[in-house]
Amino acid sequence: YRYNPRPRLDKSENETVSCFRAHFEEQ
């Protein structure tokens, strides 16, 4: 809840690929 908390990755590179692809295919 503090201002500008430290970002963290929640899933691996491989788990992200299909969702990243879906985002840019729509774009």
PDB file of all heavy atoms in Angstrom:
ATOM      1  N   TYR A   1       0.801  -1.220   0.000  1.00  0.00           N
ATOM      2  CA  TYR A   1       0.000   0.000   0.000  1.00  0.00           C
ATOM      3  C   TYR A   1       0.834   1.270   0.000  1.00  0.00           C
ATOM      4  O   TYR A   1       0.305   2.354  -0.072  1.00  0.00           O
ATOM      5  CB  TYR A   1      -0.946   0.006   1.211  1.00  0.00           C
ATOM      6  CG  TYR A   1      -2.019  -1.033   1.067  1.00  0.00           C
ATOM      7  CD1 TYR A   1      -1.931  -2.242   1.734  1.00  0.00           C
ATOM      8  CD2 TYR A   1      -3.111  -0.816   0.229  1.00  0.00           C
ATOM      9  CE1 TYR A   1      -2.906  -3.208   1.587  1.00  0.00           C
ATOM     10  CE2 TYR A   1      -4.093  -1.779   0.075  1.00  0.00           C
ATOM     11  CZ  TYR A   1      -3.981  -2.963   0.757  1.00  0.00           C
ATOM     12  OH  TYR A   1      -4.952  -3.914   0.595  1.00  0.00           O
ATOM     13  N   ARG A   2       2.147   1.145   0.091  1.00  0.00           N
ATOM     14  CA  ARG A   2       2.968   2.345   0.071  1.00  0.00           C
ATOM     15  C   ARG A   2       3.050   2.884  -1.354  1.00  0.00           C
ATOM     16  O   ARG A   2       2.779   2.176  -2.327  1.00  0.00           O
ATOM     17  CB  ARG A   2       4.347   2.076   0.649  1.00  0.00           C
ATOM     18  CG  ARG A   2       5.201   1.171  -0.208  1.00  0.00           C
ATOM     19  CD  ARG A   2       6.606   1.086   0.408  1.00  0.00           C
ATOM     20  NE  ARG A   2       7.558   0.956  -0.651  1.00  0.00           N
ATOM     21  CZ  ARG A   2       8.262  -0.126  -0.891  1.00  0.00           C
ATOM     22  NH1 ARG A   2       8.100  -1.194  -0.142  1.00  0.00           N
ATOM     23  NH2 ARG A   2       9.115  -0.163  -1.882  1.00  0.00           N
ATOM     24  N   TYR A   3       3.473   4.123  -1.495  1.00  0.00           N
ATOM     25  CA  TYR A   3       3.598   4.743  -2.809  1.00  0.00           C
ATOM     26  C   TYR A   3       4.666   4.020  -3.626  1.00  0.00           C
ATOM     27  O   TYR A   3       5.754   3.760  -3.139  1.00  0.00           O
ATOM     28  CB  TYR A   3       3.946   6.232  -2.655  1.00  0.00           C
ATOM     29  CG  TYR A   3       4.145   6.926  -3.971  1.00  0.00           C
ATOM     30  CD1 TYR A   3       3.071   7.196  -4.803  1.00  0.00           C
ATOM     31  CD2 TYR A   3       5.416   7.285  -4.397  1.00  0.00           C
ATOM     32  CE1 TYR A   3       3.247   7.818  -6.021  1.00  0.00           C
ATOM     33  CE2 TYR A   3       5.608   7.907  -5.607  1.00  0.00           C
ATOM     34  CZ  TYR A   3       4.521   8.177  -6.416  1.00  0.00           C
ATOM     35  OH  TYR A   3       4.698   8.782  -7.631  1.00  0.00           O
ATOM     36  N   ASN A   4       4.353   3.695  -4.860  1.00  0.00           N
ATOM     37  CA  ASN A   4       5.266   3.079  -5.809  1.00  0.00           C
ATOM     38  C   ASN A   4       5.919   1.798  -5.263  1.00  0.00           C
ATOM     39  O   ASN A   4       7.144   1.722  -5.141  1.00  0.00           O
ATOM     40  CB  ASN A   4       6.335   4.083  -6.245  1.00  0.00           C
ATOM     41  CG  ASN A   4       7.028   3.647  -7.520  1.00  0.00           C
ATOM     42  OD1 ASN A   4       6.600   2.703  -8.187  1.00  0.00           O
ATOM     43  ND2 ASN A   4       8.105   4.327  -7.848  1.00  0.00           N
ATOM     44  N   PRO A   5       5.112   0.766  -4.968  1.00  0.00           N
ATOM     45  CA  PRO A   5       5.697  -0.482  -4.485  1.00  0.00           C
ATOM     46  C   PRO A   5       6.567  -1.142  -5.562  1.00  0.00           C
ATOM     47  O   PRO A   5       6.380  -0.912  -6.743  1.00  0.00           O
ATOM     48  CB  PRO A   5       4.484  -1.349  -4.162  1.00  0.00           C
ATOM     49  CG  PRO A   5       3.308  -0.675  -4.712  1.00  0.00           C
ATOM     50  CD  PRO A   5       3.676   0.727  -5.067  1.00  0.00           C
ATOM     51  N   ARG A   6       7.521  -1.948  -5.133  1.00  0.00           N
ATOM     52  CA  ARG A   6       8.461  -2.606  -6.040  1.00  0.00           C
ATOM     53  C   ARG A   6       7.703  -3.592  -6.945  1.00  0.00           C
ATOM     54  O   ARG A   6       6.957  -4.437  -6.461  1.00  0.00           O
ATOM     55  CB  ARG A   6       9.529  -3.330  -5.240  1.00  0.00           C
ATOM     56  CG  ARG A   6      10.624  -3.938  -6.090  1.00  0.00           C
ATOM     57  CD  ARG A   6      11.759  -4.462  -5.241  1.00  0.00           C
ATOM     58  NE  ARG A   6      12.443  -3.419  -4.503  1.00  0.00           N
ATOM     59  CZ  ARG A   6      13.382  -2.618  -5.024  1.00  0.00           C
ATOM     60  NH1 ARG A   6      13.713  -2.728  -6.272  1.00  0.00           N
ATOM     61  NH2 ARG A   6      13.963  -1.699  -4.279  1.00  0.00           N
ATOM     62  N   PRO A   7       7.903  -3.521  -8.281  1.00  0.00           N
ATOM     63  CA  PRO A   7       7.241  -4.477  -9.176  1.00  0.00           C
ATOM     64  C   PRO A   7       7.877  -5.864  -9.089  1.00  0.00           C
ATOM     65  O   PRO A   7       9.058  -5.994  -8.764  1.00  0.00           O
ATOM     66  CB  PRO A   7       7.450  -3.871 -10.563  1.00  0.00           C
ATOM     67  CG  PRO A   7       8.545  -2.896 -10.434  1.00  0.00           C
ATOM     68  CD  PRO A   7       8.661  -2.505  -9.003  1.00  0.00           C
ATOM     69  N   ARG A   8       7.060  -6.877  -9.395  1.00  0.00           N
ATOM     70  CA  ARG A   8       7.575  -8.245  -9.422  1.00  0.00           C
ATOM     71  C   ARG A   8       6.897  -9.010 -10.565  1.00  0.00           C
ATOM     72  O   ARG A   8       5.749  -8.723 -10.926  1.00  0.00           O
ATOM     73  CB  ARG A   8       7.330  -8.937  -8.100  1.00  0.00           C
ATOM     74  CG  ARG A   8       5.870  -9.229  -7.849  1.00  0.00           C
ATOM     75  CD  ARG A   8       5.665 -10.031  -6.594  1.00  0.00           C
ATOM     76  NE  ARG A   8       4.265 -10.446  -6.535  1.00  0.00           N
ATOM     77  CZ  ARG A   8       3.650 -10.734  -5.427  1.00  0.00           C
ATOM     78  NH1 ARG A   8       4.269 -10.648  -4.273  1.00  0.00           N
ATOM     79  NH2 ARG A   8       2.386 -11.101  -5.453  1.00  0.00           N
ATOM     80  N   LEU A   9       7.619  -9.957 -11.129  1.00  0.00           N
ATOM     81  CA  LEU A   9       7.059 -10.834 -12.161  1.00  0.00           C
ATOM     82  C   LEU A   9       6.281 -11.944 -11.474  1.00  0.00           C
ATOM     83  O   LEU A   9       6.754 -12.521 -10.488  1.00  0.00           O
ATOM     84  CB  LEU A   9       8.172 -11.418 -13.030  1.00  0.00           C
ATOM     85  CG  LEU A   9       8.926 -10.411 -13.894  1.00  0.00           C
ATOM     86  CD1 LEU A   9      10.073 -11.098 -14.626  1.00  0.00           C
ATOM     87  CD2 LEU A   9       8.006  -9.715 -14.878  1.00  0.00           C
ATOM     88  N   ASP A  10       5.081 -12.242 -11.988  1.00  0.00           N
ATOM     89  CA  ASP A  10       4.218 -13.233 -11.356  1.00  0.00           C
ATOM     90  C   ASP A  10       4.217 -14.584 -12.061  1.00  0.00           C
ATOM     91  O   ASP A  10       3.778 -15.577 -11.482  1.00  0.00           O
ATOM     92  CB  ASP A  10       2.785 -12.707 -11.270  1.00  0.00           C
ATOM     93  CG  ASP A  10       2.672 -11.486 -10.379  1.00  0.00           C
ATOM     94  OD1 ASP A  10       3.454 -11.377  -9.417  1.00  0.00           O
ATOM     95  OD2 ASP A  10       1.807 -10.631 -10.658  1.00  0.00           O
ATOM     96  N   LYS A  11       4.658 -14.615 -13.331  1.00  0.00           N
ATOM     97  CA  LYS A  11       4.710 -15.871 -14.076  1.00  0.00           C
ATOM     98  C   LYS A  11       5.989 -15.910 -14.892  1.00  0.00           C
ATOM     99  O   LYS A  11       6.604 -14.878 -15.170  1.00  0.00           O
ATOM    100  CB  LYS A  11       3.490 -16.020 -14.984  1.00  0.00           C
ATOM    101  CG  LYS A  11       2.194 -16.206 -14.213  1.00  0.00           C
ATOM    102  CD  LYS A  11       1.074 -16.660 -15.106  1.00  0.00           C
ATOM    103  CE  LYS A  11      -0.174 -16.888 -14.263  1.00  0.00           C
ATOM    104  NZ  LYS A  11      -1.258 -17.454 -15.033  1.00  0.00           N
ATOM    105  N   SER A  12       6.336 -17.097 -15.314  1.00  0.00           N
ATOM    106  CA  SER A  12       7.575 -17.286 -16.062  1.00  0.00           C
ATOM    107  C   SER A  12       7.442 -16.756 -17.501  1.00  0.00           C
ATOM    108  O   SER A  12       6.348 -16.486 -17.983  1.00  0.00           O
ATOM    109  CB  SER A  12       7.934 -18.769 -16.102  1.00  0.00           C
ATOM    110  OG  SER A  12       7.039 -19.452 -16.976  1.00  0.00           O
ATOM    111  N   GLU A  13       8.596 -16.674 -18.144  1.00  0.00           N
ATOM    112  CA  GLU A  13       8.653 -16.249 -19.546  1.00  0.00           C
ATOM    113  C   GLU A  13       7.781 -17.152 -20.423  1.00  0.00           C
ATOM    114  O   GLU A  13       7.021 -16.667 -21.257  1.00  0.00           O
ATOM    115  CB  GLU A  13      10.114 -16.307 -19.988  1.00  0.00           C
ATOM    116  CG  GLU A  13      10.381 -15.898 -21.396  1.00  0.00           C
ATOM    117  CD  GLU A  13      11.867 -16.025 -21.705  1.00  0.00           C
ATOM    118  OE1 GLU A  13      12.666 -15.322 -21.061  1.00  0.00           O
ATOM    119  OE2 GLU A  13      12.203 -16.843 -22.586  1.00  0.00           O
ATOM    120  N   ASN A  14       7.876 -18.468 -20.228  1.00  0.00           N
ATOM    121  CA  ASN A  14       7.106 -19.413 -21.046  1.00  0.00           C
ATOM    122  C   ASN A  14       5.603 -19.294 -20.801  1.00  0.00           C
ATOM    123  O   ASN A  14       4.812 -19.456 -21.726  1.00  0.00           O
ATOM    124  CB  ASN A  14       7.569 -20.845 -20.783  1.00  0.00           C
ATOM    125  CG  ASN A  14       8.959 -21.096 -21.335  1.00  0.00           C
ATOM    126  OD1 ASN A  14       9.413 -20.407 -22.252  1.00  0.00           O
ATOM    127  ND2 ASN A  14       9.659 -22.065 -20.771  1.00  0.00           N
ATOM    128  N   GLU A  15       5.199 -19.034 -19.560  1.00  0.00           N
ATOM    129  CA  GLU A  15       3.772 -18.879 -19.248  1.00  0.00           C
ATOM    130  C   GLU A  15       3.206 -17.592 -19.836  1.00  0.00           C
ATOM    131  O   GLU A  15       2.005 -17.474 -20.053  1.00  0.00           O
ATOM    132  CB  GLU A  15       3.562 -18.864 -17.732  1.00  0.00           C
ATOM    133  CG  GLU A  15       3.859 -20.182 -17.051  1.00  0.00           C
ATOM    134  CD  GLU A  15       3.802 -20.067 -15.543  1.00  0.00           C
ATOM    135  OE1 GLU A  15       4.626 -19.327 -14.975  1.00  0.00           O
ATOM    136  OE2 GLU A  15       2.914 -20.722 -14.939  1.00  0.00           O
ATOM    137  N   THR A  16       4.056 -16.636 -20.126  1.00  0.00           N
ATOM    138  CA  THR A  16       3.635 -15.327 -20.619  1.00  0.00           C
ATOM    139  C   THR A  16       3.485 -15.288 -22.142  1.00  0.00           C
ATOM    140  O   THR A  16       2.688 -14.517 -22.666  1.00  0.00           O
ATOM    141  CB  THR A  16       4.660 -14.255 -20.167  1.00  0.00           C
ATOM    142  OG1 THR A  16       4.732 -14.275 -18.746  1.00  0.00           O
ATOM    143  CG2 THR A  16       4.268 -12.872 -20.617  1.00  0.00           C
ATOM    144  N   VAL A  17       4.215 -16.123 -22.849  1.00  0.00           N
ATOM    145  CA  VAL A  17       4.295 -16.059 -24.317  1.00  0.00           C
ATOM    146  C   VAL A  17       2.921 -16.026 -24.983  1.00  0.00           C
ATOM    147  O   VAL A  17       2.648 -15.169 -25.824  1.00  0.00           O
ATOM    148  CB  VAL A  17       5.152 -17.216 -24.882  1.00  0.00           C
ATOM    149  CG1 VAL A  17       5.013 -17.339 -26.386  1.00  0.00           C
ATOM    150  CG2 VAL A  17       6.606 -17.022 -24.500  1.00  0.00           C
ATOM    151  N   SER A  18       2.022 -16.944 -24.644  1.00  0.00           N
ATOM    152  CA  SER A  18       0.725 -17.024 -25.337  1.00  0.00           C
ATOM    153  C   SER A  18      -0.145 -15.798 -25.069  1.00  0.00           C
ATOM    154  O   SER A  18      -0.860 -15.331 -25.964  1.00  0.00           O
ATOM    155  CB  SER A  18      -0.017 -18.304 -24.950  1.00  0.00           C
ATOM    156  OG  SER A  18      -0.316 -18.296 -23.577  1.00  0.00           O
ATOM    157  N   CYS A  19      -0.087 -15.242 -23.876  1.00  0.00           N
ATOM    158  CA  CYS A  19      -0.902 -14.068 -23.537  1.00  0.00           C
ATOM    159  C   CYS A  19      -0.337 -12.813 -24.191  1.00  0.00           C
ATOM    160  O   CYS A  19      -1.087 -11.960 -24.661  1.00  0.00           O
ATOM    161  CB  CYS A  19      -0.987 -13.913 -22.029  1.00  0.00           C
ATOM    162  SG  CYS A  19      -1.679 -15.392 -21.252  1.00  0.00           S
ATOM    163  N   PHE A  20       0.979 -12.705 -24.222  1.00  0.00           N
ATOM    164  CA  PHE A  20       1.637 -11.598 -24.923  1.00  0.00           C
ATOM    165  C   PHE A  20       1.253 -11.646 -26.405  1.00  0.00           C
ATOM    166  O   PHE A  20       0.872 -10.645 -27.002  1.00  0.00           O
ATOM    167  CB  PHE A  20       3.157 -11.712 -24.755  1.00  0.00           C
ATOM    168  CG  PHE A  20       3.928 -10.602 -25.402  1.00  0.00           C
ATOM    169  CD1 PHE A  20       4.254  -9.465 -24.681  1.00  0.00           C
ATOM    170  CD2 PHE A  20       4.332 -10.689 -26.726  1.00  0.00           C
ATOM    171  CE1 PHE A  20       4.969  -8.429 -25.264  1.00  0.00           C
ATOM    172  CE2 PHE A  20       5.045  -9.667 -27.321  1.00  0.00           C
ATOM    173  CZ  PHE A  20       5.363  -8.532 -26.595  1.00  0.00           C
ATOM    174  N   ARG A  21       1.337 -12.831 -26.979  1.00  0.00           N
ATOM    175  CA  ARG A  21       0.988 -13.029 -28.390  1.00  0.00           C
ATOM    176  C   ARG A  21      -0.480 -12.647 -28.643  1.00  0.00           C
ATOM    177  O   ARG A  21      -0.791 -11.962 -29.608  1.00  0.00           O
ATOM    178  CB  ARG A  21       1.249 -14.483 -28.778  1.00  0.00           C
ATOM    179  CG  ARG A  21       0.939 -14.813 -30.228  1.00  0.00           C
ATOM    180  CD  ARG A  21       1.328 -16.243 -30.568  1.00  0.00           C
ATOM    181  NE  ARG A  21       2.746 -16.477 -30.428  1.00  0.00           N
ATOM    182  CZ  ARG A  21       3.647 -16.179 -31.350  1.00  0.00           C
ATOM    183  NH1 ARG A  21       3.260 -15.635 -32.478  1.00  0.00           N
ATOM    184  NH2 ARG A  21       4.918 -16.433 -31.145  1.00  0.00           N
ATOM    185  N   ALA A  22      -1.378 -13.072 -27.765  1.00  0.00           N
ATOM    186  CA  ALA A  22      -2.806 -12.749 -27.914  1.00  0.00           C
ATOM    187  C   ALA A  22      -3.021 -11.240 -27.893  1.00  0.00           C
ATOM    188  O   ALA A  22      -3.818 -10.706 -28.674  1.00  0.00           O
ATOM    189  CB  ALA A  22      -3.620 -13.426 -26.810  1.00  0.00           C
ATOM    190  N   HIS A  23      -2.298 -10.548 -27.005  1.00  0.00           N
ATOM    191  CA  HIS A  23      -2.430  -9.088 -26.919  1.00  0.00           C
ATOM    192  C   HIS A  23      -2.029  -8.434 -28.240  1.00  0.00           C
ATOM    193  O   HIS A  23      -2.773  -7.622 -28.796  1.00  0.00           O
ATOM    194  CB  HIS A  23      -1.581  -8.537 -25.774  1.00  0.00           C
ATOM    195  CG  HIS A  23      -1.535  -7.041 -25.743  1.00  0.00           C
ATOM    196  ND1 HIS A  23      -2.633  -6.281 -25.379  1.00  0.00           N
ATOM    197  CD2 HIS A  23      -0.552  -6.165 -26.056  1.00  0.00           C
ATOM    198  CE1 HIS A  23      -2.317  -4.997 -25.468  1.00  0.00           C
ATOM    199  NE2 HIS A  23      -1.047  -4.900 -25.872  1.00  0.00           N
ATOM    200  N   PHE A  24      -0.860  -8.784 -28.751  1.00  0.00           N
ATOM    201  CA  PHE A  24      -0.385  -8.105 -29.955  1.00  0.00           C
ATOM    202  C   PHE A  24      -1.057  -8.602 -31.232  1.00  0.00           C
ATOM    203  O   PHE A  24      -1.151  -7.858 -32.202  1.00  0.00           O
ATOM    204  CB  PHE A  24       1.138  -8.143 -30.043  1.00  0.00           C
ATOM    205  CG  PHE A  24       1.737  -7.042 -29.227  1.00  0.00           C
ATOM    206  CD1 PHE A  24       2.372  -7.310 -28.028  1.00  0.00           C
ATOM    207  CD2 PHE A  24       1.622  -5.714 -29.631  1.00  0.00           C
ATOM    208  CE1 PHE A  24       2.894  -6.277 -27.255  1.00  0.00           C
ATOM    209  CE2 PHE A  24       2.125  -4.682 -28.863  1.00  0.00           C
ATOM    210  CZ  PHE A  24       2.771  -4.960 -27.677  1.00  0.00           C
ATOM    211  N   GLU A  25      -1.570  -9.806 -31.251  1.00  0.00           N
ATOM    212  CA  GLU A  25      -2.357 -10.238 -32.411  1.00  0.00           C
ATOM    213  C   GLU A  25      -3.624  -9.393 -32.528  1.00  0.00           C
ATOM    214  O   GLU A  25      -4.020  -9.002 -33.618  1.00  0.00           O
ATOM    215  CB  GLU A  25      -2.667 -11.729 -32.332  1.00  0.00           C
ATOM    216  CG  GLU A  25      -1.455 -12.568 -32.695  1.00  0.00           C
ATOM    217  CD  GLU A  25      -1.667 -14.061 -32.528  1.00  0.00           C
ATOM    218  OE1 GLU A  25      -2.769 -14.503 -32.122  1.00  0.00           O
ATOM    219  OE2 GLU A  25      -0.698 -14.794 -32.806  1.00  0.00           O
ATOM    220  N   GLU A  26      -4.238  -9.081 -31.397  1.00  0.00           N
ATOM    221  CA  GLU A  26      -5.422  -8.197 -31.404  1.00  0.00           C
ATOM    222  C   GLU A  26      -5.038  -6.781 -31.834  1.00  0.00           C
ATOM    223  O   GLU A  26      -5.736  -6.150 -32.619  1.00  0.00           O
ATOM    224  CB  GLU A  26      -6.069  -8.188 -30.022  1.00  0.00           C
ATOM    225  CG  GLU A  26      -7.321  -7.336 -29.923  1.00  0.00           C
ATOM    226  CD  GLU A  26      -8.504  -7.894 -30.704  1.00  0.00           C
ATOM    227  OE1 GLU A  26      -8.519  -9.084 -31.041  1.00  0.00           O
ATOM    228  OE2 GLU A  26      -9.427  -7.118 -30.980  1.00  0.00           O
ATOM    229  N   GLN A  27      -3.917  -6.287 -31.325  1.00  0.00           N
ATOM    230  CA  GLN A  27      -3.446  -4.949 -31.702  1.00  0.00           C
ATOM    231  C   GLN A  27      -3.184  -4.867 -33.211  1.00  0.00           C
ATOM    232  O   GLN A  27      -3.595  -3.917 -33.868  1.00  0.00           O
ATOM    233  CB  GLN A  27      -2.159  -4.595 -30.945  1.00  0.00           C
ATOM    234  CG  GLN A  27      -2.337  -4.401 -29.458  1.00  0.00           C
ATOM    235  CD  GLN A  27      -3.200  -3.199 -29.165  1.00  0.00           C
ATOM    236  OE1 GLN A  27      -2.818  -2.066 -29.401  1.00  0.00           O
ATOM    237  NE2 GLN A  27      -4.390  -3.442 -28.671  1.00  0.00           N
TER     238      GLN A  27
END
